[in-house]
Amino acid sequence: MEKTEKTQGRNVISEETIEYLGILAKLELTSEEKERAGKDMEEMLDYIDKLNELDTSGVEPMAHIFPVNNVFREDVVTNGDDRENMLKNAPEVRDGSYQVPKTVE
């Protein structure tokens, strides 16, 4: 199956490829939707080609646009065991726990 071909610097997506992608994505596309999807994919591939023309030899690879350091904090309990206050809002309490209706028989 011919996936793409380049014509005068543009990527061209074949109808077969659009059909195949529709099957993989489990989509039923109208002919208009197939045509639009093909054009969208061609534009994306053209843009990727344009980005590939950039000289990135001096650019360090990154995983995030902002510098990310250790964002984790120490796990410190701040509210402690406040069971009595939490149970004050419960409609029913039994043995220090919320009492709820039985849902499984």
N, C-alpha and C. Protein backbone atom coordinates (compact mmCIF):
# COMPACT_ATOMS: atom_id res chain seq x y z
N MET A 1 0.85 -1.17 0.00
CA MET A 1 0.00 0.00 0.00
C MET A 1 0.90 1.23 0.00
N GLU A 2 0.58 2.16 -0.86
CA GLU A 2 1.33 3.40 -0.96
C GLU A 2 0.80 4.36 0.09
N LYS A 3 1.65 4.74 1.04
CA LYS A 3 1.19 5.60 2.13
C LYS A 3 1.21 7.06 1.73
N THR A 4 2.37 7.56 1.39
CA THR A 4 2.47 8.94 0.96
C THR A 4 3.48 9.04 -0.18
N GLU A 5 3.35 10.06 -0.96
CA GLU A 5 4.35 10.35 -1.97
C GLU A 5 4.53 11.86 -1.98
N LYS A 6 5.70 12.27 -2.39
CA LYS A 6 5.97 13.70 -2.44
C LYS A 6 5.76 14.19 -3.86
N THR A 7 5.00 15.25 -3.98
CA THR A 7 4.78 15.87 -5.28
C THR A 7 5.12 17.35 -5.13
N GLN A 8 6.22 17.77 -5.79
CA GLN A 8 6.65 19.15 -5.76
C GLN A 8 6.73 19.68 -4.32
N GLY A 9 7.38 18.92 -3.43
CA GLY A 9 7.57 19.39 -2.06
C GLY A 9 6.38 19.19 -1.15
N ARG A 10 5.29 18.63 -1.69
CA ARG A 10 4.11 18.40 -0.86
C ARG A 10 3.90 16.92 -0.66
N ASN A 11 3.46 16.56 0.51
CA ASN A 11 3.11 15.18 0.79
C ASN A 11 1.69 14.93 0.30
N VAL A 12 1.48 13.78 -0.34
CA VAL A 12 0.15 13.43 -0.84
C VAL A 12 -0.26 12.12 -0.17
N ILE A 13 -1.40 12.14 0.49
CA ILE A 13 -1.92 10.96 1.16
C ILE A 13 -2.89 10.26 0.21
N SER A 14 -2.68 8.96 0.00
CA SER A 14 -3.54 8.23 -0.93
C SER A 14 -4.89 7.92 -0.27
N GLU A 15 -5.88 7.65 -1.11
CA GLU A 15 -7.21 7.27 -0.62
C GLU A 15 -7.15 5.96 0.14
N GLU A 16 -6.27 5.05 -0.31
CA GLU A 16 -6.10 3.78 0.39
C GLU A 16 -5.66 4.00 1.83
N THR A 17 -4.75 4.93 2.01
CA THR A 17 -4.24 5.22 3.36
C THR A 17 -5.35 5.77 4.24
N ILE A 18 -6.15 6.66 3.68
CA ILE A 18 -7.27 7.23 4.44
C ILE A 18 -8.25 6.13 4.82
N GLU A 19 -8.55 5.23 3.88
CA GLU A 19 -9.45 4.10 4.16
C GLU A 19 -8.88 3.24 5.28
N TYR A 20 -7.59 2.93 5.16
CA TYR A 20 -6.93 2.08 6.15
C TYR A 20 -6.94 2.72 7.54
N LEU A 21 -6.63 4.01 7.60
CA LEU A 21 -6.66 4.71 8.88
C LEU A 21 -8.07 4.75 9.47
N GLY A 22 -9.07 4.90 8.60
CA GLY A 22 -10.45 4.87 9.07
C GLY A 22 -10.80 3.52 9.68
N ILE A 23 -10.32 2.45 9.06
CA ILE A 23 -10.56 1.10 9.59
C ILE A 23 -9.86 0.94 10.93
N LEU A 24 -8.59 1.36 11.01
CA LEU A 24 -7.84 1.24 12.27
C LEU A 24 -8.51 2.03 13.40
N ALA A 25 -9.03 3.21 13.07
CA ALA A 25 -9.66 4.06 14.08
C ALA A 25 -11.13 3.70 14.29
N LYS A 26 -11.61 2.71 13.53
CA LYS A 26 -13.01 2.28 13.61
C LYS A 26 -13.96 3.46 13.37
N LEU A 27 -13.66 4.22 12.31
CA LEU A 27 -14.47 5.37 11.94
C LEU A 27 -15.13 5.11 10.59
N GLU A 28 -16.37 5.51 10.48
CA GLU A 28 -17.05 5.49 9.20
C GLU A 28 -17.08 6.92 8.69
N LEU A 29 -16.24 7.20 7.71
CA LEU A 29 -16.09 8.56 7.20
C LEU A 29 -16.83 8.73 5.89
N THR A 30 -17.47 9.88 5.75
CA THR A 30 -18.09 10.23 4.47
C THR A 30 -16.98 10.62 3.51
N SER A 31 -17.31 10.75 2.23
CA SER A 31 -16.28 11.13 1.26
C SER A 31 -15.74 12.52 1.56
N GLU A 32 -16.58 13.42 2.06
CA GLU A 32 -16.12 14.76 2.44
C GLU A 32 -15.14 14.69 3.60
N GLU A 33 -15.47 13.86 4.60
CA GLU A 33 -14.59 13.71 5.76
C GLU A 33 -13.26 13.08 5.37
N LYS A 34 -13.30 12.12 4.46
CA LYS A 34 -12.06 11.49 3.99
C LYS A 34 -11.19 12.51 3.27
N GLU A 35 -11.82 13.32 2.44
CA GLU A 35 -11.07 14.33 1.70
C GLU A 35 -10.43 15.33 2.65
N ARG A 36 -11.21 15.79 3.64
CA ARG A 36 -10.70 16.76 4.61
C ARG A 36 -9.59 16.15 5.48
N ALA A 37 -9.77 14.89 5.88
CA ALA A 37 -8.75 14.21 6.69
C ALA A 37 -7.46 14.08 5.88
N GLY A 38 -7.58 13.76 4.61
CA GLY A 38 -6.39 13.66 3.76
C GLY A 38 -5.66 14.98 3.65
N LYS A 39 -6.41 16.06 3.44
CA LYS A 39 -5.79 17.38 3.36
C LYS A 39 -5.13 17.76 4.68
N ASP A 40 -5.81 17.48 5.80
CA ASP A 40 -5.24 17.79 7.12
C ASP A 40 -3.93 17.04 7.34
N MET A 41 -3.91 15.74 6.99
CA MET A 41 -2.69 14.95 7.17
C MET A 41 -1.57 15.45 6.26
N GLU A 42 -1.91 15.82 5.04
CA GLU A 42 -0.91 16.37 4.13
C GLU A 42 -0.30 17.64 4.71
N GLU A 43 -1.15 18.51 5.26
CA GLU A 43 -0.66 19.76 5.86
C GLU A 43 0.24 19.47 7.06
N MET A 44 -0.14 18.47 7.87
CA MET A 44 0.70 18.12 9.03
C MET A 44 2.06 17.60 8.57
N LEU A 45 2.08 16.72 7.57
CA LEU A 45 3.34 16.18 7.08
C LEU A 45 4.20 17.27 6.44
N ASP A 46 3.57 18.20 5.72
CA ASP A 46 4.31 19.32 5.15
C ASP A 46 4.95 20.17 6.25
N TYR A 47 4.20 20.39 7.33
CA TYR A 47 4.73 21.18 8.43
C TYR A 47 5.89 20.46 9.10
N ILE A 48 5.78 19.15 9.26
CA ILE A 48 6.87 18.38 9.85
C ILE A 48 8.10 18.46 8.96
N ASP A 49 7.91 18.38 7.64
CA ASP A 49 9.04 18.53 6.72
C ASP A 49 9.69 19.89 6.88
N LYS A 50 8.86 20.91 7.05
CA LYS A 50 9.40 22.26 7.23
C LYS A 50 10.21 22.35 8.52
N LEU A 51 9.70 21.73 9.60
CA LEU A 51 10.43 21.72 10.86
C LEU A 51 11.74 20.96 10.74
N ASN A 52 11.75 19.90 9.94
CA ASN A 52 12.97 19.11 9.76
C ASN A 52 14.06 19.88 9.03
N GLU A 53 13.70 20.97 8.35
CA GLU A 53 14.69 21.79 7.66
C GLU A 53 15.49 22.66 8.63
N LEU A 54 14.99 22.84 9.85
CA LEU A 54 15.67 23.69 10.82
C LEU A 54 16.96 23.04 11.32
N ASP A 55 17.97 23.88 11.56
CA ASP A 55 19.23 23.38 12.12
C ASP A 55 19.10 23.36 13.64
N THR A 56 19.01 22.17 14.19
CA THR A 56 18.86 22.02 15.65
C THR A 56 20.10 21.37 16.26
N SER A 57 21.22 21.44 15.54
CA SER A 57 22.43 20.77 16.01
C SER A 57 22.92 21.33 17.35
N GLY A 58 22.72 22.61 17.62
CA GLY A 58 23.19 23.20 18.88
C GLY A 58 22.13 23.26 19.96
N VAL A 59 20.98 22.64 19.72
CA VAL A 59 19.87 22.70 20.68
C VAL A 59 19.84 21.42 21.49
N GLU A 60 19.86 21.58 22.81
CA GLU A 60 19.83 20.42 23.68
C GLU A 60 18.41 19.84 23.73
N PRO A 61 18.28 18.52 23.59
CA PRO A 61 16.95 17.91 23.65
C PRO A 61 16.31 18.14 25.02
N MET A 62 14.99 18.25 25.04
CA MET A 62 14.30 18.46 26.31
C MET A 62 13.00 17.69 26.32
N ALA A 63 12.54 17.41 27.53
CA ALA A 63 11.29 16.68 27.68
C ALA A 63 10.16 17.62 28.06
N HIS A 64 10.50 18.83 28.48
CA HIS A 64 9.50 19.79 28.94
C HIS A 64 10.00 21.18 28.62
N ILE A 65 9.09 22.10 28.28
CA ILE A 65 9.54 23.44 27.89
C ILE A 65 10.00 24.27 29.08
N PHE A 66 9.57 23.94 30.27
CA PHE A 66 10.00 24.64 31.47
C PHE A 66 10.98 23.77 32.23
N PRO A 67 11.96 24.39 32.90
CA PRO A 67 12.86 23.55 33.70
C PRO A 67 12.08 22.91 34.85
N VAL A 68 12.13 21.59 34.92
CA VAL A 68 11.40 20.88 35.95
C VAL A 68 12.40 20.20 36.87
N ASN A 69 12.38 20.60 38.10
CA ASN A 69 13.21 19.95 39.11
C ASN A 69 12.32 19.04 39.92
N ASN A 70 12.84 18.48 40.97
CA ASN A 70 12.04 17.60 41.81
C ASN A 70 10.85 18.38 42.35
N VAL A 71 9.66 18.01 41.88
CA VAL A 71 8.46 18.73 42.27
C VAL A 71 7.74 18.06 43.43
N PHE A 72 8.30 16.95 43.91
CA PHE A 72 7.66 16.24 45.00
C PHE A 72 8.02 16.88 46.34
N ARG A 73 7.09 16.89 47.24
CA ARG A 73 7.32 17.42 48.58
C ARG A 73 7.35 16.24 49.54
N GLU A 74 7.85 16.49 50.70
CA GLU A 74 7.82 15.46 51.73
C GLU A 74 6.37 15.14 52.07
N ASP A 75 6.09 13.90 52.29
CA ASP A 75 4.73 13.47 52.65
C ASP A 75 4.57 13.65 54.15
N VAL A 76 3.98 14.80 54.52
CA VAL A 76 3.80 15.12 55.92
C VAL A 76 2.31 15.21 56.22
N VAL A 77 1.86 14.50 57.24
CA VAL A 77 0.46 14.53 57.62
C VAL A 77 0.20 15.86 58.32
N THR A 78 -0.81 16.60 57.83
CA THR A 78 -1.11 17.90 58.44
C THR A 78 -2.42 17.88 59.21
N ASN A 79 -3.36 17.02 58.83
CA ASN A 79 -4.64 17.03 59.54
C ASN A 79 -4.77 15.88 60.53
N GLY A 80 -3.89 14.93 60.48
CA GLY A 80 -3.89 13.84 61.45
C GLY A 80 -5.18 13.03 61.46
N ASP A 81 -5.42 12.36 62.57
CA ASP A 81 -6.61 11.52 62.71
C ASP A 81 -7.72 12.37 63.32
N ASP A 82 -8.54 12.95 62.49
CA ASP A 82 -9.62 13.83 62.95
C ASP A 82 -10.96 13.13 62.72
N ARG A 83 -11.00 11.87 63.06
CA ARG A 83 -12.17 11.03 62.80
C ARG A 83 -13.44 11.61 63.41
N GLU A 84 -13.36 12.10 64.63
CA GLU A 84 -14.58 12.61 65.29
C GLU A 84 -15.20 13.76 64.52
N ASN A 85 -14.39 14.69 64.05
CA ASN A 85 -14.92 15.82 63.27
C ASN A 85 -15.49 15.35 61.94
N MET A 86 -14.83 14.40 61.30
CA MET A 86 -15.32 13.91 60.00
C MET A 86 -16.66 13.18 60.18
N LEU A 87 -16.78 12.43 61.23
CA LEU A 87 -18.00 11.66 61.45
C LEU A 87 -19.18 12.52 61.91
N LYS A 88 -18.92 13.77 62.30
CA LYS A 88 -20.00 14.66 62.70
C LYS A 88 -20.97 14.92 61.55
N ASN A 89 -20.47 14.86 60.32
CA ASN A 89 -21.31 15.14 59.15
C ASN A 89 -22.02 13.89 58.63
N ALA A 90 -21.69 12.74 59.16
CA ALA A 90 -22.28 11.49 58.66
C ALA A 90 -23.72 11.36 59.12
N PRO A 91 -24.63 10.94 58.23
CA PRO A 91 -26.01 10.73 58.63
C PRO A 91 -26.14 9.61 59.65
N GLU A 92 -25.31 8.55 59.48
CA GLU A 92 -25.32 7.43 60.43
C GLU A 92 -23.89 6.98 60.68
N VAL A 93 -23.58 6.66 61.95
CA VAL A 93 -22.25 6.20 62.32
C VAL A 93 -22.40 4.87 63.07
N ARG A 94 -21.47 3.94 62.76
CA ARG A 94 -21.49 2.66 63.48
C ARG A 94 -20.04 2.22 63.69
N ASP A 95 -19.68 1.96 64.91
CA ASP A 95 -18.33 1.51 65.27
C ASP A 95 -17.24 2.43 64.73
N GLY A 96 -17.46 3.74 64.81
CA GLY A 96 -16.45 4.72 64.39
C GLY A 96 -16.29 4.83 62.89
N SER A 97 -17.28 4.38 62.11
CA SER A 97 -17.23 4.45 60.65
C SER A 97 -18.56 4.93 60.11
N TYR A 98 -18.55 5.34 58.85
CA TYR A 98 -19.79 5.73 58.19
C TYR A 98 -20.67 4.50 58.02
N GLN A 99 -21.94 4.64 58.29
CA GLN A 99 -22.90 3.57 58.07
C GLN A 99 -23.62 3.89 56.76
N VAL A 100 -23.56 2.97 55.81
CA VAL A 100 -24.19 3.17 54.50
C VAL A 100 -25.14 2.02 54.22
N PRO A 101 -26.12 2.25 53.34
CA PRO A 101 -27.04 1.17 53.00
C PRO A 101 -26.32 0.04 52.26
N LYS A 102 -26.82 -1.15 52.44
CA LYS A 102 -26.26 -2.33 51.77
C LYS A 102 -26.55 -2.20 50.27
N THR A 103 -25.54 -2.42 49.44
CA THR A 103 -25.73 -2.28 47.99
C THR A 103 -25.61 -3.59 47.25
N VAL A 104 -25.10 -4.64 47.90
CA VAL A 104 -24.93 -5.94 47.26
C VAL A 104 -25.66 -6.98 48.07
N GLU A 105 -26.32 -7.87 47.39
CA GLU A 105 -27.03 -8.93 48.12
C GLU A 105 -26.29 -10.23 48.06
